[in-house]
Amino acid sequence: MENKMNGYEKRTQRKKESILLAATDLFLQRGISDVSIVEIAASAKVSQVSIYNYFGDKNNLAKQVFIHYINRIVSEYDELLDSNLPFSEKLEQIMLKKQSAILSMTESNFGEQALKDQTLRDIYAEASSIQATSIYKKFIQVGKEAGAIDPTISNEAILDYLLSSASIMRQSDYYQTSAKYKEDILKLFLYGIIKK
């Protein structure tokens, strides 16, 4: 009986993942309002009923897609921090990934519609704050172990600095700024104002 349940749970998880991936692709291409549940179901190769059972409605699915998108990006940062690359290279790769993720989201129809929706903005802020805290703690630990972050500064102070700096990137008008401005904010965020 337990093996059947595990098999059932695995199939359920695969279906949910398939729905989230299909919805993410379609939402990024055309936005939330222009995509139907029928299209998502066809792309995910599941029934419409499965989508309603797992996610309720399209708005809730959009929220879950947003959270899934953030989680996927954070897991990429996590893998980078665990890699054998030198810390400076990890930092550079994280900056590039962050910039790419921001551009991908802001230049998509999904990002444009999501930023106009207060609920999705709130979800983004909450999910990214929770995820950011976890990844920043690891970032601080790895940086201190590599000798790249000043060990005399408390982890709490560094974490608060990183979180407050990141709040700039969560402002709705941040996504309408130029690519150069976004790049400069990331550099300030990671390196401060002192020329290296």
N, C-alpha and C. Protein backbone atom coordinates (compact mmCIF):
# COMPACT_ATOMS: atom_id res chain seq x y z
N MET A 1 0.83 -1.20 0.00
CA MET A 1 0.00 0.00 0.00
C MET A 1 0.87 1.26 0.00
N GLU A 2 1.97 1.23 0.80
CA GLU A 2 2.86 2.38 0.88
C GLU A 2 3.53 2.67 -0.46
N ASN A 3 3.95 1.61 -1.19
CA ASN A 3 4.58 1.79 -2.49
C ASN A 3 3.62 2.42 -3.48
N LYS A 4 2.33 2.04 -3.43
CA LYS A 4 1.33 2.64 -4.32
C LYS A 4 1.19 4.13 -4.02
N MET A 5 1.20 4.47 -2.72
CA MET A 5 1.08 5.87 -2.34
C MET A 5 2.29 6.66 -2.83
N ASN A 6 3.50 6.09 -2.67
CA ASN A 6 4.68 6.77 -3.16
C ASN A 6 4.62 6.98 -4.67
N GLY A 7 4.15 5.96 -5.39
CA GLY A 7 3.98 6.09 -6.84
C GLY A 7 2.96 7.15 -7.19
N TYR A 8 1.87 7.18 -6.44
CA TYR A 8 0.82 8.18 -6.66
C TYR A 8 1.37 9.59 -6.38
N GLU A 9 2.09 9.72 -5.28
CA GLU A 9 2.66 11.02 -4.93
C GLU A 9 3.66 11.48 -5.99
N LYS A 10 4.46 10.54 -6.49
CA LYS A 10 5.43 10.89 -7.53
C LYS A 10 4.74 11.36 -8.81
N ARG A 11 3.67 10.65 -9.20
CA ARG A 11 2.91 11.05 -10.40
C ARG A 11 2.29 12.43 -10.20
N THR A 12 1.74 12.64 -9.01
CA THR A 12 1.13 13.94 -8.70
C THR A 12 2.18 15.04 -8.79
N GLN A 13 3.34 14.80 -8.21
CA GLN A 13 4.42 15.79 -8.23
C GLN A 13 4.88 16.08 -9.66
N ARG A 14 5.00 15.01 -10.47
CA ARG A 14 5.40 15.20 -11.88
C ARG A 14 4.35 16.03 -12.63
N LYS A 15 3.08 15.75 -12.38
CA LYS A 15 2.01 16.52 -13.04
C LYS A 15 2.08 17.99 -12.63
N LYS A 16 2.22 18.24 -11.34
CA LYS A 16 2.31 19.63 -10.86
C LYS A 16 3.49 20.35 -11.51
N GLU A 17 4.64 19.66 -11.54
CA GLU A 17 5.85 20.25 -12.13
C GLU A 17 5.63 20.54 -13.62
N SER A 18 4.98 19.62 -14.31
CA SER A 18 4.69 19.79 -15.73
C SER A 18 3.78 20.99 -15.96
N ILE A 19 2.78 21.13 -15.11
CA ILE A 19 1.85 22.27 -15.21
C ILE A 19 2.59 23.57 -14.96
N LEU A 20 3.42 23.60 -13.91
CA LEU A 20 4.16 24.83 -13.59
C LEU A 20 5.11 25.22 -14.72
N LEU A 21 5.80 24.24 -15.29
CA LEU A 21 6.73 24.53 -16.40
C LEU A 21 5.98 25.04 -17.63
N ALA A 22 4.87 24.37 -17.97
CA ALA A 22 4.09 24.79 -19.13
C ALA A 22 3.52 26.19 -18.92
N ALA A 23 2.97 26.44 -17.72
CA ALA A 23 2.40 27.76 -17.43
C ALA A 23 3.48 28.83 -17.44
N THR A 24 4.65 28.51 -16.90
CA THR A 24 5.75 29.48 -16.89
C THR A 24 6.11 29.87 -18.32
N ASP A 25 6.32 28.90 -19.18
CA ASP A 25 6.66 29.19 -20.58
C ASP A 25 5.60 30.05 -21.26
N LEU A 26 4.34 29.65 -21.10
CA LEU A 26 3.25 30.38 -21.76
C LEU A 26 3.08 31.78 -21.17
N PHE A 27 3.16 31.91 -19.85
CA PHE A 27 3.02 33.22 -19.22
C PHE A 27 4.16 34.15 -19.62
N LEU A 28 5.39 33.62 -19.69
CA LEU A 28 6.52 34.45 -20.09
C LEU A 28 6.37 34.92 -21.54
N GLN A 29 5.84 34.05 -22.40
CA GLN A 29 5.67 34.40 -23.82
C GLN A 29 4.54 35.40 -24.03
N ARG A 30 3.39 35.17 -23.35
CA ARG A 30 2.19 35.95 -23.69
C ARG A 30 1.50 36.65 -22.53
N GLY A 31 1.98 36.46 -21.34
CA GLY A 31 1.32 37.07 -20.19
C GLY A 31 0.24 36.17 -19.63
N ILE A 32 -0.28 36.56 -18.47
CA ILE A 32 -1.26 35.74 -17.78
C ILE A 32 -2.62 35.79 -18.47
N SER A 33 -3.08 36.98 -18.79
CA SER A 33 -4.45 37.13 -19.29
C SER A 33 -4.66 36.51 -20.67
N ASP A 34 -3.60 36.41 -21.48
CA ASP A 34 -3.75 35.88 -22.84
C ASP A 34 -3.61 34.36 -22.94
N VAL A 35 -3.40 33.70 -21.81
CA VAL A 35 -3.20 32.25 -21.81
C VAL A 35 -4.39 31.60 -21.10
N SER A 36 -4.94 30.55 -21.72
CA SER A 36 -6.08 29.86 -21.12
C SER A 36 -5.64 28.58 -20.41
N ILE A 37 -6.49 28.13 -19.51
CA ILE A 37 -6.25 26.86 -18.81
C ILE A 37 -6.19 25.72 -19.83
N VAL A 38 -7.00 25.81 -20.88
CA VAL A 38 -7.01 24.78 -21.94
C VAL A 38 -5.61 24.66 -22.56
N GLU A 39 -5.00 25.80 -22.87
CA GLU A 39 -3.66 25.80 -23.47
C GLU A 39 -2.61 25.23 -22.51
N ILE A 40 -2.72 25.62 -21.25
CA ILE A 40 -1.76 25.13 -20.25
C ILE A 40 -1.88 23.62 -20.13
N ALA A 41 -3.11 23.13 -20.06
CA ALA A 41 -3.35 21.68 -19.93
C ALA A 41 -2.78 20.95 -21.14
N ALA A 42 -3.02 21.48 -22.34
CA ALA A 42 -2.51 20.84 -23.55
C ALA A 42 -0.99 20.81 -23.56
N SER A 43 -0.37 21.92 -23.18
CA SER A 43 1.09 22.00 -23.17
C SER A 43 1.70 21.07 -22.11
N ALA A 44 1.03 20.97 -20.97
CA ALA A 44 1.53 20.11 -19.87
C ALA A 44 1.13 18.65 -20.05
N LYS A 45 0.26 18.41 -21.03
CA LYS A 45 -0.25 17.04 -21.28
C LYS A 45 -0.97 16.47 -20.06
N VAL A 46 -1.83 17.33 -19.46
CA VAL A 46 -2.68 16.92 -18.35
C VAL A 46 -4.10 17.41 -18.63
N SER A 47 -5.05 16.96 -17.83
CA SER A 47 -6.42 17.43 -18.00
C SER A 47 -6.59 18.78 -17.32
N GLN A 48 -7.57 19.54 -17.77
CA GLN A 48 -7.89 20.82 -17.14
C GLN A 48 -8.28 20.59 -15.68
N VAL A 49 -8.95 19.47 -15.43
CA VAL A 49 -9.39 19.14 -14.08
C VAL A 49 -8.18 19.04 -13.14
N SER A 50 -7.08 18.48 -13.64
CA SER A 50 -5.87 18.38 -12.81
C SER A 50 -5.38 19.76 -12.39
N ILE A 51 -5.42 20.70 -13.30
CA ILE A 51 -4.98 22.06 -12.98
C ILE A 51 -5.86 22.66 -11.90
N TYR A 52 -7.18 22.53 -12.07
CA TYR A 52 -8.10 23.07 -11.07
C TYR A 52 -7.93 22.36 -9.72
N ASN A 53 -7.71 21.04 -9.75
CA ASN A 53 -7.53 20.28 -8.50
C ASN A 53 -6.26 20.71 -7.76
N TYR A 54 -5.17 20.92 -8.50
CA TYR A 54 -3.90 21.24 -7.87
C TYR A 54 -3.73 22.72 -7.54
N PHE A 55 -4.30 23.59 -8.38
CA PHE A 55 -4.02 25.02 -8.24
C PHE A 55 -5.25 25.90 -8.04
N GLY A 56 -6.44 25.34 -8.15
CA GLY A 56 -7.64 26.15 -7.97
C GLY A 56 -8.03 26.86 -9.24
N ASP A 57 -7.49 28.03 -9.45
CA ASP A 57 -7.81 28.81 -10.65
C ASP A 57 -6.53 29.36 -11.28
N LYS A 58 -6.69 30.10 -12.37
CA LYS A 58 -5.52 30.60 -13.10
C LYS A 58 -4.73 31.62 -12.27
N ASN A 59 -5.42 32.44 -11.48
CA ASN A 59 -4.71 33.42 -10.66
C ASN A 59 -3.82 32.74 -9.62
N ASN A 60 -4.35 31.70 -8.98
CA ASN A 60 -3.53 30.98 -8.01
C ASN A 60 -2.38 30.26 -8.71
N LEU A 61 -2.65 29.74 -9.90
CA LEU A 61 -1.57 29.11 -10.68
C LEU A 61 -0.48 30.13 -10.99
N ALA A 62 -0.87 31.35 -11.36
CA ALA A 62 0.11 32.41 -11.65
C ALA A 62 0.96 32.70 -10.42
N LYS A 63 0.33 32.72 -9.24
CA LYS A 63 1.09 32.94 -8.00
C LYS A 63 2.10 31.81 -7.79
N GLN A 64 1.66 30.58 -8.00
CA GLN A 64 2.55 29.44 -7.81
C GLN A 64 3.68 29.44 -8.84
N VAL A 65 3.38 29.88 -10.06
CA VAL A 65 4.41 29.99 -11.10
C VAL A 65 5.48 30.99 -10.66
N PHE A 66 5.04 32.11 -10.11
CA PHE A 66 5.95 33.15 -9.65
C PHE A 66 6.88 32.60 -8.57
N ILE A 67 6.30 31.90 -7.60
CA ILE A 67 7.08 31.32 -6.50
C ILE A 67 8.03 30.26 -7.05
N HIS A 68 7.54 29.43 -7.96
CA HIS A 68 8.35 28.38 -8.59
C HIS A 68 9.53 29.01 -9.34
N TYR A 69 9.28 30.10 -10.05
CA TYR A 69 10.31 30.82 -10.81
C TYR A 69 11.41 31.31 -9.86
N ILE A 70 11.00 31.92 -8.76
CA ILE A 70 11.96 32.44 -7.78
C ILE A 70 12.76 31.29 -7.17
N ASN A 71 12.07 30.21 -6.81
CA ASN A 71 12.75 29.05 -6.21
C ASN A 71 13.78 28.45 -7.16
N ARG A 72 13.44 28.41 -8.44
CA ARG A 72 14.36 27.86 -9.44
C ARG A 72 15.64 28.70 -9.53
N ILE A 73 15.47 30.01 -9.52
CA ILE A 73 16.63 30.92 -9.59
C ILE A 73 17.49 30.77 -8.34
N VAL A 74 16.84 30.72 -7.19
CA VAL A 74 17.58 30.59 -5.94
C VAL A 74 18.35 29.28 -5.89
N SER A 75 17.76 28.20 -6.42
CA SER A 75 18.49 26.92 -6.42
C SER A 75 19.73 27.00 -7.31
N GLU A 76 19.68 27.81 -8.37
CA GLU A 76 20.86 28.01 -9.21
C GLU A 76 21.96 28.74 -8.43
N TYR A 77 21.56 29.75 -7.62
CA TYR A 77 22.54 30.45 -6.78
C TYR A 77 23.15 29.48 -5.78
N ASP A 78 22.30 28.65 -5.21
CA ASP A 78 22.74 27.67 -4.21
C ASP A 78 23.79 26.72 -4.81
N GLU A 79 23.52 26.23 -6.01
CA GLU A 79 24.47 25.34 -6.70
C GLU A 79 25.80 26.05 -6.95
N LEU A 80 25.72 27.33 -7.33
CA LEU A 80 26.94 28.10 -7.56
C LEU A 80 27.77 28.23 -6.29
N LEU A 81 27.08 28.52 -5.18
CA LEU A 81 27.79 28.68 -3.92
C LEU A 81 28.44 27.37 -3.46
N ASP A 82 27.86 26.24 -3.86
CA ASP A 82 28.42 24.93 -3.51
C ASP A 82 29.52 24.49 -4.48
N SER A 83 29.69 25.21 -5.58
CA SER A 83 30.67 24.81 -6.59
C SER A 83 32.10 25.06 -6.09
N ASN A 84 33.08 24.55 -6.83
CA ASN A 84 34.49 24.72 -6.48
C ASN A 84 35.11 25.97 -7.08
N LEU A 85 34.31 26.83 -7.67
CA LEU A 85 34.82 28.07 -8.25
C LEU A 85 35.37 28.99 -7.15
N PRO A 86 36.34 29.84 -7.50
CA PRO A 86 36.80 30.85 -6.53
C PRO A 86 35.64 31.78 -6.17
N PHE A 87 35.64 32.33 -4.96
CA PHE A 87 34.51 33.14 -4.50
C PHE A 87 34.24 34.31 -5.43
N SER A 88 35.29 34.96 -5.92
CA SER A 88 35.09 36.12 -6.81
C SER A 88 34.33 35.71 -8.08
N GLU A 89 34.61 34.50 -8.58
CA GLU A 89 33.91 34.01 -9.76
C GLU A 89 32.47 33.64 -9.43
N LYS A 90 32.25 33.07 -8.25
CA LYS A 90 30.89 32.78 -7.80
C LYS A 90 30.08 34.06 -7.75
N LEU A 91 30.69 35.10 -7.19
CA LEU A 91 30.03 36.40 -7.07
C LEU A 91 29.67 36.95 -8.45
N GLU A 92 30.62 36.87 -9.37
CA GLU A 92 30.38 37.36 -10.74
C GLU A 92 29.25 36.58 -11.42
N GLN A 93 29.26 35.26 -11.26
CA GLN A 93 28.22 34.42 -11.86
C GLN A 93 26.84 34.72 -11.26
N ILE A 94 26.81 34.93 -9.95
CA ILE A 94 25.55 35.27 -9.29
C ILE A 94 25.02 36.60 -9.81
N MET A 95 25.92 37.58 -9.97
CA MET A 95 25.52 38.88 -10.51
C MET A 95 24.92 38.71 -11.91
N LEU A 96 25.60 37.94 -12.74
CA LEU A 96 25.11 37.73 -14.11
C LEU A 96 23.76 37.01 -14.12
N LYS A 97 23.61 36.00 -13.27
CA LYS A 97 22.34 35.27 -13.19
C LYS A 97 21.22 36.18 -12.69
N LYS A 98 21.52 36.99 -11.69
CA LYS A 98 20.52 37.91 -11.14
C LYS A 98 20.09 38.90 -12.22
N GLN A 99 21.05 39.47 -12.91
CA GLN A 99 20.74 40.42 -13.98
C GLN A 99 19.90 39.76 -15.06
N SER A 100 20.29 38.56 -15.46
CA SER A 100 19.57 37.82 -16.50
C SER A 100 18.14 37.51 -16.06
N ALA A 101 17.97 37.09 -14.80
CA ALA A 101 16.64 36.76 -14.28
C ALA A 101 15.75 38.00 -14.26
N ILE A 102 16.32 39.12 -13.84
CA ILE A 102 15.55 40.37 -13.79
C ILE A 102 15.13 40.79 -15.19
N LEU A 103 16.07 40.74 -16.13
CA LEU A 103 15.75 41.12 -17.51
C LEU A 103 14.72 40.18 -18.13
N SER A 104 14.90 38.89 -17.90
CA SER A 104 13.97 37.90 -18.43
C SER A 104 12.55 38.15 -17.92
N MET A 105 12.44 38.43 -16.64
CA MET A 105 11.12 38.65 -16.06
C MET A 105 10.53 39.98 -16.52
N THR A 106 11.34 41.05 -16.50
CA THR A 106 10.79 42.36 -16.83
C THR A 106 10.47 42.51 -18.31
N GLU A 107 11.20 41.80 -19.16
CA GLU A 107 10.94 41.92 -20.59
C GLU A 107 9.84 40.98 -21.06
N SER A 108 9.34 40.16 -20.17
CA SER A 108 8.28 39.22 -20.55
C SER A 108 6.91 39.82 -20.28
N ASN A 109 5.92 39.29 -20.96
CA ASN A 109 4.54 39.71 -20.72
C ASN A 109 4.10 39.33 -19.31
N PHE A 110 4.58 38.20 -18.82
CA PHE A 110 4.23 37.76 -17.47
C PHE A 110 4.71 38.77 -16.44
N GLY A 111 5.98 39.16 -16.56
CA GLY A 111 6.54 40.12 -15.62
C GLY A 111 5.82 41.45 -15.66
N GLU A 112 5.50 41.89 -16.86
CA GLU A 112 4.80 43.17 -17.02
C GLU A 112 3.45 43.13 -16.33
N GLN A 113 2.68 42.06 -16.56
CA GLN A 113 1.37 41.94 -15.92
C GLN A 113 1.50 41.70 -14.42
N ALA A 114 2.47 40.91 -14.03
CA ALA A 114 2.65 40.60 -12.61
C ALA A 114 2.97 41.85 -11.81
N LEU A 115 3.78 42.74 -12.37
CA LEU A 115 4.17 43.94 -11.65
C LEU A 115 3.01 44.92 -11.48
N LYS A 116 1.99 44.80 -12.31
CA LYS A 116 0.80 45.65 -12.18
C LYS A 116 -0.17 45.10 -11.15
N ASP A 117 0.00 43.84 -10.77
CA ASP A 117 -0.90 43.17 -9.84
C ASP A 117 -0.31 43.22 -8.43
N GLN A 118 -0.98 43.92 -7.52
CA GLN A 118 -0.47 44.10 -6.16
C GLN A 118 -0.27 42.76 -5.45
N THR A 119 -1.19 41.83 -5.66
CA THR A 119 -1.08 40.52 -5.00
C THR A 119 0.20 39.81 -5.44
N LEU A 120 0.47 39.80 -6.77
CA LEU A 120 1.68 39.16 -7.27
C LEU A 120 2.94 39.89 -6.80
N ARG A 121 2.87 41.23 -6.71
CA ARG A 121 4.02 41.98 -6.18
C ARG A 121 4.28 41.60 -4.72
N ASP A 122 3.20 41.46 -3.95
CA ASP A 122 3.35 41.07 -2.54
C ASP A 122 3.93 39.67 -2.42
N ILE A 123 3.44 38.76 -3.27
CA ILE A 123 3.95 37.38 -3.26
C ILE A 123 5.43 37.37 -3.62
N TYR A 124 5.78 38.14 -4.65
CA TYR A 124 7.18 38.24 -5.06
C TYR A 124 8.04 38.75 -3.91
N ALA A 125 7.58 39.82 -3.25
CA ALA A 125 8.35 40.41 -2.15
C ALA A 125 8.53 39.40 -1.02
N GLU A 126 7.44 38.71 -0.65
CA GLU A 126 7.53 37.75 0.45
C GLU A 126 8.41 36.55 0.08
N ALA A 127 8.16 35.97 -1.10
CA ALA A 127 8.93 34.79 -1.51
C ALA A 127 10.40 35.13 -1.69
N SER A 128 10.68 36.26 -2.31
CA SER A 128 12.08 36.60 -2.55
C SER A 128 12.78 36.96 -1.24
N SER A 129 12.05 37.55 -0.29
CA SER A 129 12.65 37.88 1.00
C SER A 129 13.01 36.61 1.78
N ILE A 130 12.10 35.64 1.80
CA ILE A 130 12.36 34.37 2.48
C ILE A 130 13.54 33.66 1.84
N GLN A 131 13.51 33.57 0.52
CA GLN A 131 14.58 32.88 -0.20
C GLN A 131 15.90 33.65 -0.08
N ALA A 132 15.81 34.98 -0.16
CA ALA A 132 17.02 35.80 -0.09
C ALA A 132 17.72 35.60 1.25
N THR A 133 16.97 35.56 2.35
CA THR A 133 17.57 35.39 3.66
C THR A 133 18.38 34.10 3.72
N SER A 134 17.80 33.04 3.22
CA SER A 134 18.47 31.74 3.22
C SER A 134 19.75 31.76 2.38
N ILE A 135 19.65 32.29 1.16
CA ILE A 135 20.81 32.27 0.25
C ILE A 135 21.88 33.27 0.71
N TYR A 136 21.45 34.42 1.29
CA TYR A 136 22.43 35.40 1.77
C TYR A 136 23.22 34.86 2.96
N LYS A 137 22.57 34.09 3.83
CA LYS A 137 23.28 33.50 4.97
C LYS A 137 24.38 32.57 4.45
N LYS A 138 24.04 31.79 3.46
CA LYS A 138 25.02 30.87 2.88
C LYS A 138 26.13 31.66 2.17
N PHE A 139 25.74 32.70 1.45
CA PHE A 139 26.67 33.58 0.74
C PHE A 139 27.69 34.16 1.73
N ILE A 140 27.20 34.63 2.88
CA ILE A 140 28.07 35.22 3.90
C ILE A 140 29.04 34.17 4.43
N GLN A 141 28.52 33.01 4.73
CA GLN A 141 29.35 31.92 5.27
C GLN A 141 30.44 31.53 4.28
N VAL A 142 30.05 31.31 3.01
CA VAL A 142 31.02 30.91 1.98
C VAL A 142 32.04 32.03 1.76
N GLY A 143 31.57 33.28 1.75
CA GLY A 143 32.47 34.42 1.56
C GLY A 143 33.48 34.58 2.68
N LYS A 144 33.02 34.35 3.91
CA LYS A 144 33.94 34.45 5.05
C LYS A 144 34.95 33.30 5.03
N GLU A 145 34.49 32.10 4.70
CA GLU A 145 35.39 30.95 4.63
C GLU A 145 36.46 31.15 3.56
N ALA A 146 36.08 31.85 2.47
CA ALA A 146 37.03 32.10 1.37
C ALA A 146 37.93 33.30 1.66
N GLY A 147 37.66 34.01 2.76
CA GLY A 147 38.45 35.19 3.09
C GLY A 147 38.07 36.41 2.25
N ALA A 148 36.94 36.35 1.57
CA ALA A 148 36.51 37.46 0.70
C ALA A 148 35.62 38.46 1.42
N ILE A 149 35.02 38.05 2.54
CA ILE A 149 34.15 38.94 3.32
C ILE A 149 34.83 39.17 4.67
N ASP A 150 34.86 40.43 5.07
CA ASP A 150 35.51 40.84 6.31
C ASP A 150 34.94 40.06 7.50
N PRO A 151 35.77 39.25 8.16
CA PRO A 151 35.28 38.43 9.27
C PRO A 151 34.94 39.23 10.53
N THR A 152 35.38 40.50 10.59
CA THR A 152 35.10 41.31 11.78
C THR A 152 33.69 41.90 11.76
N ILE A 153 33.03 41.83 10.60
CA ILE A 153 31.65 42.35 10.50
C ILE A 153 30.70 41.20 10.84
N SER A 154 29.75 41.47 11.72
CA SER A 154 28.84 40.40 12.14
C SER A 154 27.97 39.93 10.97
N ASN A 155 27.62 38.66 11.01
CA ASN A 155 26.74 38.10 9.98
C ASN A 155 25.40 38.83 9.95
N GLU A 156 24.90 39.22 11.13
CA GLU A 156 23.61 39.92 11.21
C GLU A 156 23.67 41.26 10.49
N ALA A 157 24.76 42.01 10.69
CA ALA A 157 24.90 43.32 10.03
C ALA A 157 25.00 43.15 8.51
N ILE A 158 25.77 42.15 8.08
CA ILE A 158 25.90 41.91 6.63
C ILE A 158 24.55 41.51 6.05
N LEU A 159 23.84 40.62 6.74
CA LEU A 159 22.52 40.16 6.26
C LEU A 159 21.56 41.33 6.15
N ASP A 160 21.50 42.19 7.17
CA ASP A 160 20.61 43.35 7.11
C ASP A 160 20.98 44.28 5.96
N TYR A 161 22.29 44.47 5.74
CA TYR A 161 22.74 45.30 4.62
C TYR A 161 22.28 44.72 3.28
N LEU A 162 22.49 43.41 3.11
CA LEU A 162 22.11 42.76 1.86
C LEU A 162 20.60 42.83 1.63
N LEU A 163 19.83 42.57 2.68
CA LEU A 163 18.36 42.61 2.55
C LEU A 163 17.85 44.02 2.26
N SER A 164 18.44 45.02 2.92
CA SER A 164 17.98 46.39 2.67
C SER A 164 18.37 46.85 1.27
N SER A 165 19.55 46.44 0.82
CA SER A 165 19.97 46.78 -0.54
C SER A 165 19.07 46.10 -1.57
N ALA A 166 18.71 44.86 -1.30
CA ALA A 166 17.86 44.10 -2.23
C ALA A 166 16.47 44.70 -2.34
N SER A 167 16.04 45.45 -1.32
CA SER A 167 14.69 46.05 -1.37
C SER A 167 14.57 47.02 -2.55
N ILE A 168 15.67 47.61 -2.97
CA ILE A 168 15.66 48.50 -4.15
C ILE A 168 15.19 47.72 -5.37
N MET A 169 15.67 46.48 -5.47
CA MET A 169 15.35 45.65 -6.64
C MET A 169 13.91 45.15 -6.62
N ARG A 170 13.24 45.29 -5.48
CA ARG A 170 11.85 44.84 -5.40
C ARG A 170 10.86 45.97 -5.65
N GLN A 171 11.35 47.19 -5.81
CA GLN A 171 10.45 48.31 -6.09
C GLN A 171 9.93 48.19 -7.52
N SER A 172 8.64 48.47 -7.69
CA SER A 172 8.02 48.26 -9.01
C SER A 172 8.67 49.09 -10.11
N ASP A 173 9.12 50.32 -9.82
CA ASP A 173 9.71 51.15 -10.87
C ASP A 173 11.15 50.73 -11.20
N TYR A 174 11.75 49.89 -10.37
CA TYR A 174 13.10 49.39 -10.64
C TYR A 174 13.14 48.66 -11.99
N TYR A 175 12.09 47.96 -12.32
CA TYR A 175 12.06 47.16 -13.53
C TYR A 175 11.93 48.00 -14.80
N GLN A 176 11.57 49.27 -14.63
CA GLN A 176 11.49 50.16 -15.79
C GLN A 176 12.77 50.95 -16.02
N THR A 177 13.75 50.78 -15.14
CA THR A 177 15.00 51.51 -15.29
C THR A 177 15.87 50.88 -16.37
N SER A 178 16.91 51.60 -16.75
CA SER A 178 17.80 51.10 -17.80
C SER A 178 18.63 49.91 -17.32
N ALA A 179 19.14 49.16 -18.28
CA ALA A 179 19.99 48.00 -17.97
C ALA A 179 21.25 48.48 -17.24
N LYS A 180 21.78 49.62 -17.62
CA LYS A 180 22.99 50.18 -16.98
C LYS A 180 22.71 50.48 -15.51
N TYR A 181 21.55 51.07 -15.21
CA TYR A 181 21.18 51.39 -13.84
C TYR A 181 21.09 50.10 -13.02
N LYS A 182 20.45 49.07 -13.58
CA LYS A 182 20.32 47.78 -12.88
C LYS A 182 21.70 47.18 -12.61
N GLU A 183 22.58 47.27 -13.60
CA GLU A 183 23.94 46.75 -13.44
C GLU A 183 24.67 47.50 -12.34
N ASP A 184 24.51 48.84 -12.31
CA ASP A 184 25.16 49.66 -11.28
C ASP A 184 24.63 49.32 -9.88
N ILE A 185 23.33 49.12 -9.76
CA ILE A 185 22.75 48.76 -8.47
C ILE A 185 23.32 47.42 -7.99
N LEU A 186 23.44 46.45 -8.90
CA LEU A 186 24.01 45.16 -8.53
C LEU A 186 25.46 45.30 -8.07
N LYS A 187 26.23 46.15 -8.75
CA LYS A 187 27.63 46.37 -8.36
C LYS A 187 27.70 47.01 -6.97
N LEU A 188 26.87 48.03 -6.74
CA LEU A 188 26.84 48.66 -5.43
C LEU A 188 26.41 47.68 -4.36
N PHE A 189 25.42 46.89 -4.69
CA PHE A 189 24.87 45.89 -3.78
C PHE A 189 25.95 44.91 -3.33
N LEU A 190 26.79 44.49 -4.26
CA LEU A 190 27.79 43.47 -3.95
C LEU A 190 29.16 44.03 -3.56
N TYR A 191 29.52 45.21 -4.07
CA TYR A 191 30.88 45.71 -3.83
C TYR A 191 30.94 47.02 -3.03
N GLY A 192 29.83 47.72 -2.88
CA GLY A 192 29.86 49.02 -2.20
C GLY A 192 30.35 50.11 -3.15
N ILE A 193 30.74 51.25 -2.58
CA ILE A 193 31.12 52.40 -3.43
C ILE A 193 32.64 52.57 -3.57
N ILE A 194 33.40 51.77 -2.86
CA ILE A 194 34.87 51.90 -2.91
C ILE A 194 35.40 51.21 -4.16
N LYS A 195 36.21 51.95 -4.92
CA LYS A 195 36.79 51.39 -6.16
C LYS A 195 37.79 50.30 -5.82
N LYS A 196 37.67 49.18 -6.50
CA LYS A 196 38.58 48.04 -6.26
C LYS A 196 39.77 48.13 -7.18
